[in-house]
């Protein structure tokens, strides 16, 4: 008993504020590693470490003979450990938080497990000499981890009551369709990248798709996405859903900025700096779309047990004349 009390004094519960900050840090870190991963590809450093999990057949770290390409690729691999440590800290914080809250641990573990899974996919991209389809999967896996991290961050900020819809069912369906189109645009965007000039290494293969044709398909998807998002603004405003309206306005603003970058990079022959900005924009579009989805419902605080008991007692009292 004394040992248990001593442990309880040493291991103190984690505050909700710290927990939410860790979840936010996890989102930022995962977005950051997408951008640094793009820098690896855009500097043609994708095979700076030509094997995996080692950097070379004889060394786990970069060597002077590998030059700056090896440093860039190895540095990005090391960032994976930093992102993983943040995710692990978040899991531990969820375990130490009191009172325990439903759903948080599953999301925190999903984010944490997504990091090594992402590292394995990254290793496969190296072992397949930067196969463009695997590179695209590597990016999409990062999007999945970011989505899980965002869900954790929002769930921490919500009360524990059941979710309640704040807009009619047809508008919730429209929001889901918009999120689905967002994902589709991201997927087709990886096909565009796989057909373009930035292969990650001068000898890496391309996916064989016609860049002009697949870029047009991607642009058509973006136009559809913007149209749906604008429709959400007017629909949410019509039913008086102010929070959802603001979220949809942010989504459209991010989409327009991302679309502008996309058009400029296409007509300027895909400069590396704009491709990097476009990758960051993809993360922001996903987060904005998830924000819209989240704004269509809310959780309300669970009433204290004493209040619930009192309510039931009042309901059970017979009404007399």
Protein backbone atom coordinates (compact mmCIF):
# COMPACT_ATOMS: atom_id res chain seq x y z
CA UNK A 1 0.00 0.00 0.00
CA UNK A 2 2.83 2.40 0.84
CA UNK A 3 4.47 1.68 -2.51
CA UNK A 4 1.24 2.44 -4.38
CA UNK A 5 0.84 5.73 -2.53
CA UNK A 6 4.45 6.64 -3.30
CA UNK A 7 3.93 5.92 -7.00
CA UNK A 8 0.77 8.02 -7.01
CA UNK A 9 2.68 10.94 -5.49
CA UNK A 10 5.43 10.66 -8.13
CA UNK A 11 3.21 10.06 -11.18
CA UNK A 12 0.75 12.92 -11.20
CA UNK A 13 -2.24 13.15 -13.53
CA UNK A 14 -1.68 15.07 -16.75
CA UNK A 15 -3.83 18.17 -17.27
CA UNK A 16 -6.19 18.47 -20.19
CA UNK A 17 -4.31 21.57 -21.38
CA UNK A 18 -1.00 19.69 -21.63
CA UNK A 19 -2.73 16.77 -23.31
CA UNK A 20 -4.23 19.00 -26.00
CA UNK A 21 -0.91 20.77 -26.55
CA UNK A 22 0.80 17.42 -27.12
CA UNK A 23 -1.91 16.44 -29.62
CA UNK A 24 -1.42 19.76 -31.44
CA UNK A 25 2.35 19.21 -31.44
CA UNK A 26 1.73 15.81 -33.03
CA UNK A 27 -0.27 17.42 -35.85
CA UNK A 28 2.44 20.02 -36.46
CA UNK A 29 5.21 17.41 -36.36
CA UNK A 30 3.46 15.14 -38.86
CA UNK A 31 2.80 18.05 -41.22
CA UNK A 32 6.44 19.06 -40.81
CA UNK A 33 7.75 15.65 -41.78
CA UNK A 34 5.62 15.75 -44.94
CA UNK A 35 7.33 19.01 -45.87
CA UNK A 36 10.82 17.72 -45.05
CA UNK A 37 10.06 14.52 -46.94
CA UNK A 38 9.16 16.68 -49.91
CA UNK A 39 12.48 18.48 -49.52
CA UNK A 40 14.24 15.10 -49.76
CA UNK A 41 12.54 14.37 -53.06
CA UNK A 42 12.86 17.88 -54.45
CA UNK A 43 16.61 17.95 -53.82
CA UNK A 44 17.01 14.56 -55.54
CA UNK A 45 18.13 13.07 -52.21
CA UNK A 46 15.62 10.22 -52.18
CA UNK A 47 18.40 7.66 -52.54
CA UNK A 48 20.92 9.60 -50.47
CA UNK A 49 20.78 6.55 -48.21
CA UNK A 50 20.53 3.81 -50.84
CA UNK A 51 19.18 1.09 -48.55
CA UNK A 52 16.96 0.60 -45.50
CA UNK A 53 16.90 0.29 -42.49
CA UNK A 54 20.62 0.99 -42.76
CA UNK A 55 21.86 4.03 -44.61
CA UNK A 56 24.42 1.91 -46.47
CA UNK A 57 25.14 -1.80 -46.47
CA UNK A 58 27.77 -1.23 -43.78
CA UNK A 59 26.48 1.74 -41.79
CA UNK A 60 23.27 2.88 -40.12
CA UNK A 61 24.35 6.51 -40.48
CA UNK A 62 25.45 8.61 -43.42
CA UNK A 63 29.11 8.67 -44.42
CA UNK A 64 31.23 11.55 -45.80
CA UNK A 65 31.41 9.81 -49.19
CA UNK A 66 27.63 10.17 -49.60
CA UNK A 67 27.80 13.96 -49.53
CA UNK A 68 24.92 16.33 -48.96
CA UNK A 69 22.33 13.94 -50.43
CA UNK A 70 23.10 11.42 -47.71
CA UNK A 71 22.89 14.09 -45.02
CA UNK A 72 19.46 15.26 -46.24
CA UNK A 73 17.98 11.77 -46.48
CA UNK A 74 19.47 10.59 -43.18
CA UNK A 75 18.31 13.79 -41.47
CA UNK A 76 14.75 13.14 -42.58
CA UNK A 77 14.96 9.61 -41.20
CA UNK A 78 16.07 10.99 -37.84
CA UNK A 79 13.07 13.32 -37.77
CA UNK A 80 10.86 10.23 -37.75
CA UNK A 81 12.18 9.44 -34.27
CA UNK A 82 11.29 12.95 -33.06
CA UNK A 83 7.75 12.61 -34.43
CA UNK A 84 7.49 9.18 -32.82
CA UNK A 85 8.62 10.52 -29.44
CA UNK A 86 5.90 13.19 -29.54
CA UNK A 87 3.32 10.51 -30.38
CA UNK A 88 4.62 8.29 -27.54
CA UNK A 89 4.48 11.21 -25.10
CA UNK A 90 0.87 11.78 -26.15
CA UNK A 91 -0.02 8.14 -25.48
CA UNK A 92 1.56 8.32 -22.02
CA UNK A 93 -0.23 11.60 -21.31
CA UNK A 94 -3.58 10.01 -22.22
CA UNK A 95 -2.84 7.14 -19.84
CA UNK A 96 -1.96 9.54 -17.02
CA UNK A 97 -4.89 11.88 -17.60
CA UNK A 98 -7.64 11.75 -14.98
CA UNK A 99 -10.43 11.05 -15.29
CA UNK A 100 -9.92 8.56 -18.10
CA UNK A 101 -11.79 9.68 -21.19
CA UNK A 102 -13.36 7.35 -23.74
CA UNK A 103 -11.86 7.18 -27.22
CA UNK A 104 -8.64 9.07 -26.54
CA UNK A 105 -6.35 6.09 -26.04
CA UNK A 106 -7.40 4.40 -29.29
CA UNK A 107 -6.71 7.56 -31.28
CA UNK A 108 -3.38 8.21 -29.54
CA UNK A 109 -2.23 4.64 -30.16
CA UNK A 110 -3.34 4.88 -33.80
CA UNK A 111 -1.17 7.98 -34.28
CA UNK A 112 1.78 6.33 -32.53
CA UNK A 113 1.55 3.11 -34.56
CA UNK A 114 1.18 5.14 -37.74
CA UNK A 115 4.73 6.48 -37.32
CA UNK A 116 6.60 3.12 -37.61
CA UNK A 117 4.15 2.02 -40.30
CA UNK A 118 5.02 5.17 -42.22
CA UNK A 119 8.73 4.49 -41.71
CA UNK A 120 8.34 1.00 -43.16
CA UNK A 121 6.58 2.39 -46.24
CA UNK A 122 9.40 4.91 -46.54
CA UNK A 123 11.87 2.04 -46.42
CA UNK A 124 9.99 0.25 -49.18
CA UNK A 125 10.21 3.37 -51.35
CA UNK A 126 14.00 3.24 -51.01
CA UNK A 127 14.19 -0.52 -51.62
CA UNK A 128 12.05 -0.13 -54.76
CA UNK A 129 14.28 2.70 -56.06
CA UNK A 130 11.58 5.33 -55.45
CA UNK A 131 8.79 3.59 -57.28
CA UNK A 132 6.33 6.46 -57.87
CA UNK A 133 3.29 4.46 -56.74
CA UNK A 134 4.99 3.59 -53.45
CA UNK A 135 6.11 7.21 -53.04
CA UNK A 136 2.48 8.26 -53.45
CA UNK A 137 1.41 5.70 -50.85
CA UNK A 138 4.07 7.12 -48.52
CA UNK A 139 2.47 10.57 -48.81
CA UNK A 140 -1.07 9.26 -48.36
CA UNK A 141 -0.02 7.32 -45.25
CA UNK A 142 1.17 10.62 -43.79
CA UNK A 143 -2.25 12.11 -44.55
CA UNK A 144 -3.90 9.26 -42.63
CA UNK A 145 -1.68 9.87 -39.59
CA UNK A 146 -2.41 13.61 -39.75
CA UNK A 147 -6.15 12.87 -39.86
CA UNK A 148 -5.87 10.63 -36.78
CA UNK A 149 -3.81 13.27 -34.95
CA UNK A 150 -6.40 15.92 -35.80
CA UNK A 151 -9.24 13.70 -34.58
CA UNK A 152 -7.38 13.20 -31.29
CA UNK A 153 -6.82 16.95 -30.88
CA UNK A 154 -10.47 17.75 -31.50
CA UNK A 155 -11.71 14.91 -29.31
CA UNK A 156 -9.60 16.14 -26.39
CA UNK A 157 -11.20 19.57 -26.70
CA UNK A 158 -14.74 18.16 -26.80
CA UNK A 159 -16.83 17.17 -23.78
CA UNK A 160 -17.62 13.48 -23.27
CA UNK A 161 -21.33 13.60 -24.06
CA UNK A 162 -22.71 11.85 -27.16
CA UNK A 163 -22.33 13.73 -30.46
CA UNK A 164 -25.33 15.85 -31.44
CA UNK A 165 -25.93 17.04 -35.01
CA UNK A 166 -26.07 20.82 -35.44
CA UNK A 167 -27.05 20.80 -39.13
CA UNK A 168 -29.69 18.77 -41.00
CA UNK A 169 -28.82 15.28 -42.28
CA UNK A 170 -28.56 16.33 -45.98
CA UNK A 171 -25.90 18.90 -45.08
CA UNK A 172 -23.97 16.36 -43.02
CA UNK A 173 -24.04 14.10 -46.06
CA UNK A 174 -22.80 16.97 -48.25
CA UNK A 175 -19.94 17.56 -45.81
CA UNK A 176 -19.01 13.88 -45.99
CA UNK A 177 -19.06 13.99 -49.79
CA UNK A 178 -16.80 17.05 -49.69
CA UNK A 179 -14.36 15.21 -47.43
CA UNK A 180 -14.43 12.23 -49.80
CA UNK A 181 -13.69 14.45 -52.79
CA UNK A 182 -10.83 16.03 -50.80
CA UNK A 183 -9.29 12.59 -50.33
CA UNK A 184 -9.79 11.78 -54.02
CA UNK A 185 -8.06 15.03 -55.02
CA UNK A 186 -5.11 14.14 -52.78
CA UNK A 187 -4.86 10.67 -54.33
CA UNK A 188 -4.92 12.00 -57.90
CA UNK A 189 -2.39 14.62 -56.84
CA UNK A 190 0.08 11.83 -56.06
CA UNK A 191 -0.45 10.53 -59.60
CA UNK A 192 0.36 13.97 -60.98
CA UNK A 193 3.52 14.07 -58.90
CA UNK A 194 4.47 10.57 -60.04
CA UNK A 195 4.26 11.67 -63.67
CA UNK A 196 6.24 14.88 -63.21
CA UNK A 197 9.92 15.77 -63.15
CA UNK A 198 10.67 15.56 -59.43
CA UNK A 199 11.37 11.86 -59.01
CA UNK A 200 13.55 12.12 -55.90
CA UNK A 201 16.58 10.81 -57.78
CA UNK A 202 17.89 11.40 -61.27
CA UNK A 203 17.52 7.71 -62.15
CA UNK A 204 14.09 7.04 -60.59
CA UNK A 205 11.26 5.89 -62.84
CA UNK A 206 8.01 7.75 -63.49
CA UNK A 207 4.52 6.21 -63.40
CA UNK A 208 4.00 6.49 -67.17
CA UNK A 209 0.88 8.66 -67.02
CA UNK A 210 0.66 11.61 -69.36
CA UNK A 211 1.41 14.66 -67.17
CA UNK A 212 -0.91 16.96 -69.10
CA UNK A 213 -3.88 14.59 -68.99
CA UNK A 214 -3.58 13.61 -65.34
CA UNK A 215 -3.03 17.25 -64.37
CA UNK A 216 -6.33 18.11 -66.07
CA UNK A 217 -8.08 15.32 -64.16
CA UNK A 218 -6.60 16.70 -60.95
CA UNK A 219 -7.72 20.25 -61.82
CA UNK A 220 -11.25 19.02 -62.56
CA UNK A 221 -11.34 17.42 -59.11
CA UNK A 222 -10.19 20.67 -57.54
CA UNK A 223 -12.94 22.63 -59.32
CA UNK A 224 -15.51 20.12 -58.04
CA UNK A 225 -14.12 20.39 -54.53
CA UNK A 226 -14.27 24.19 -54.54
CA UNK A 227 -17.83 24.09 -55.86
CA UNK A 228 -18.94 21.74 -53.09
CA UNK A 229 -17.18 23.85 -50.48
CA UNK A 230 -18.86 27.06 -51.67
CA UNK A 231 -22.21 25.24 -51.58
CA UNK A 232 -21.51 24.31 -47.96
CA UNK A 233 -20.98 27.96 -47.05
CA UNK A 234 -24.40 28.98 -48.35
CA UNK A 235 -26.14 25.88 -46.97
CA UNK A 236 -24.66 26.26 -43.48
CA UNK A 237 -25.50 29.97 -43.48
CA UNK A 238 -29.08 29.21 -44.50
CA UNK A 239 -29.63 27.02 -41.43
CA UNK A 240 -27.82 29.41 -39.08
CA UNK A 241 -24.85 27.11 -38.36
CA UNK A 242 -22.28 29.83 -37.72
CA UNK A 243 -19.39 27.60 -36.62
CA UNK A 244 -19.84 25.33 -39.64
CA UNK A 245 -20.08 28.38 -41.92
CA UNK A 246 -16.76 29.73 -40.63
CA UNK A 247 -15.12 26.34 -41.12
CA UNK A 248 -16.38 26.15 -44.72
CA UNK A 249 -15.11 29.68 -45.45
CA UNK A 250 -11.65 28.68 -44.19
CA UNK A 251 -11.77 25.56 -46.37
CA UNK A 252 -12.56 27.58 -49.49
CA UNK A 253 -9.80 30.08 -48.69
CA UNK A 254 -7.25 27.28 -48.29
CA UNK A 255 -8.46 25.57 -51.47
CA UNK A 256 -8.14 28.80 -53.48
CA UNK A 257 -4.62 29.34 -52.19
CA UNK A 258 -3.68 25.76 -52.98
CA UNK A 259 -5.26 26.00 -56.41
CA UNK A 260 -3.33 29.17 -57.17
CA UNK A 261 -0.06 27.48 -56.24
CA UNK A 262 -0.99 24.52 -58.41
CA UNK A 263 -1.72 26.62 -61.48
CA UNK A 264 1.40 28.74 -61.08
CA UNK A 265 3.64 25.68 -60.67
CA UNK A 266 2.07 24.06 -63.75
CA UNK A 267 2.62 27.08 -65.99
CA UNK A 268 6.13 27.72 -64.62
CA UNK A 269 7.29 24.15 -65.32
CA UNK A 270 6.97 22.85 -61.75
CA UNK A 271 9.70 24.67 -59.79
CA UNK A 272 10.77 22.80 -56.67
CA UNK A 273 9.92 25.56 -54.22
CA UNK A 274 6.29 25.68 -55.38
CA UNK A 275 6.00 21.89 -55.26
CA UNK A 276 7.09 22.04 -51.62
CA UNK A 277 4.51 24.76 -50.91
CA UNK A 278 1.88 22.64 -52.67
CA UNK A 279 2.68 19.69 -50.39
CA UNK A 280 2.19 21.88 -47.33
CA UNK A 281 -1.03 23.16 -48.86
CA UNK A 282 -2.28 19.60 -49.27
CA UNK A 283 -1.94 19.06 -45.52
CA UNK A 284 -3.80 22.30 -44.83
CA UNK A 285 -6.63 21.38 -47.22
CA UNK A 286 -7.07 18.05 -45.45
CA UNK A 287 -7.13 19.69 -42.03
CA UNK A 288 -9.63 22.33 -43.21
CA UNK A 289 -11.89 19.64 -44.66
CA UNK A 290 -11.77 17.70 -41.40
CA UNK A 291 -12.63 20.90 -39.53
CA UNK A 292 -15.77 21.27 -41.63
CA UNK A 293 -16.70 17.66 -40.96
CA UNK A 294 -16.20 18.19 -37.21
CA UNK A 295 -18.29 21.37 -37.23
CA UNK A 296 -21.44 19.52 -38.31
CA UNK A 297 -21.90 18.08 -34.83
CA UNK A 298 -20.94 18.85 -31.27
CA UNK A 299 -20.57 17.04 -27.98
CA UNK A 300 -22.20 18.41 -24.88
CA UNK A 301 -21.00 17.96 -21.30
CA UNK A 302 -22.19 14.87 -19.47
CA UNK A 303 -24.38 16.03 -16.56
CA UNK A 304 -23.01 15.17 -13.11
CA UNK A 305 -24.30 11.92 -11.61
CA UNK A 306 -26.06 13.84 -8.80
CA UNK A 307 -27.98 15.95 -11.33
CA UNK A 308 -29.01 12.86 -13.27
CA UNK A 309 -30.21 11.16 -10.09
CA UNK A 310 -32.18 14.26 -9.10
CA UNK A 311 -33.79 14.42 -12.53
CA UNK A 312 -34.83 10.78 -12.33
CA UNK A 313 -36.18 11.35 -8.81
CA UNK A 314 -38.29 14.30 -10.00
CA UNK A 315 -39.63 12.26 -12.87
CA UNK A 316 -40.63 9.45 -10.52
CA UNK A 317 -42.61 11.69 -8.13
CA UNK A 318 -46.36 11.27 -8.79
CA UNK A 319 -48.27 14.41 -9.70
CA UNK A 320 -51.13 15.08 -7.28
CA UNK A 321 -53.95 17.54 -7.47
